[in-house]
Amino acid sequence: MSETSGRAHNPVIEEIASEPVASAVAVAGHPLHAMSVHFPIALVIATLGCDLFYWWTADPFWVRAGLWSSGFAFAAGIAAGLVGTAELLLVPGIRIRVASWTHAIAAMMLIAVAGMNWGLRLADETAVLPHGLMLSVLASVFTGLAGWHGGKLVFDHGIGLIVSEKD
């Protein structure tokens, strides 16, 4: 792991690096959170695409497509968030890292914005422009932020990696 490479030996970093990071919620060793986050990510970006196409074409198809994609983005985000929260709370090596909490907060904000975006569309289909579009942009920003910190957990801290003895 890169937590201790290239740095002077710091006892705090060494203690954090020594904590186990094996997934507690996995199927055949594969973390469910890492497998499930792709769906809300794709659907949040799809909702933004639907809003932009609606703005460009004024075709009501994009309003309906945006309603469905925002609803499924919210539902898939809830599912991925529940699995991620279980990982955060059950695995001490994940819980001890600051990047885990930053990722969790950004993801919770993303789920809240995705839910608000879906709720807005359910209440008033004509609110897609400008409010739905603004919420879609905000959700996309939080997707990038949560994804960045999730990537840090994988690539910098080795969270969710399966390393065999051959490697």
Foldseek 3Di string as FASTA:
>chain_A
DQQPPPDDDDPVSVVLLPFDQQFPCDDPSFQPLVVLPVLLLVLLVLLLVLLVVCVVPVDCVSLVSNLVSLVRSLVSLVVSLVSLVCSCVPGPSLVVDPLSVQLNVLSVVLSVLSVVLNVVCVVPSVVCPPPSNVSSVVSNVSSVRSVVSVVCCCPVSVRRDDDDPVD
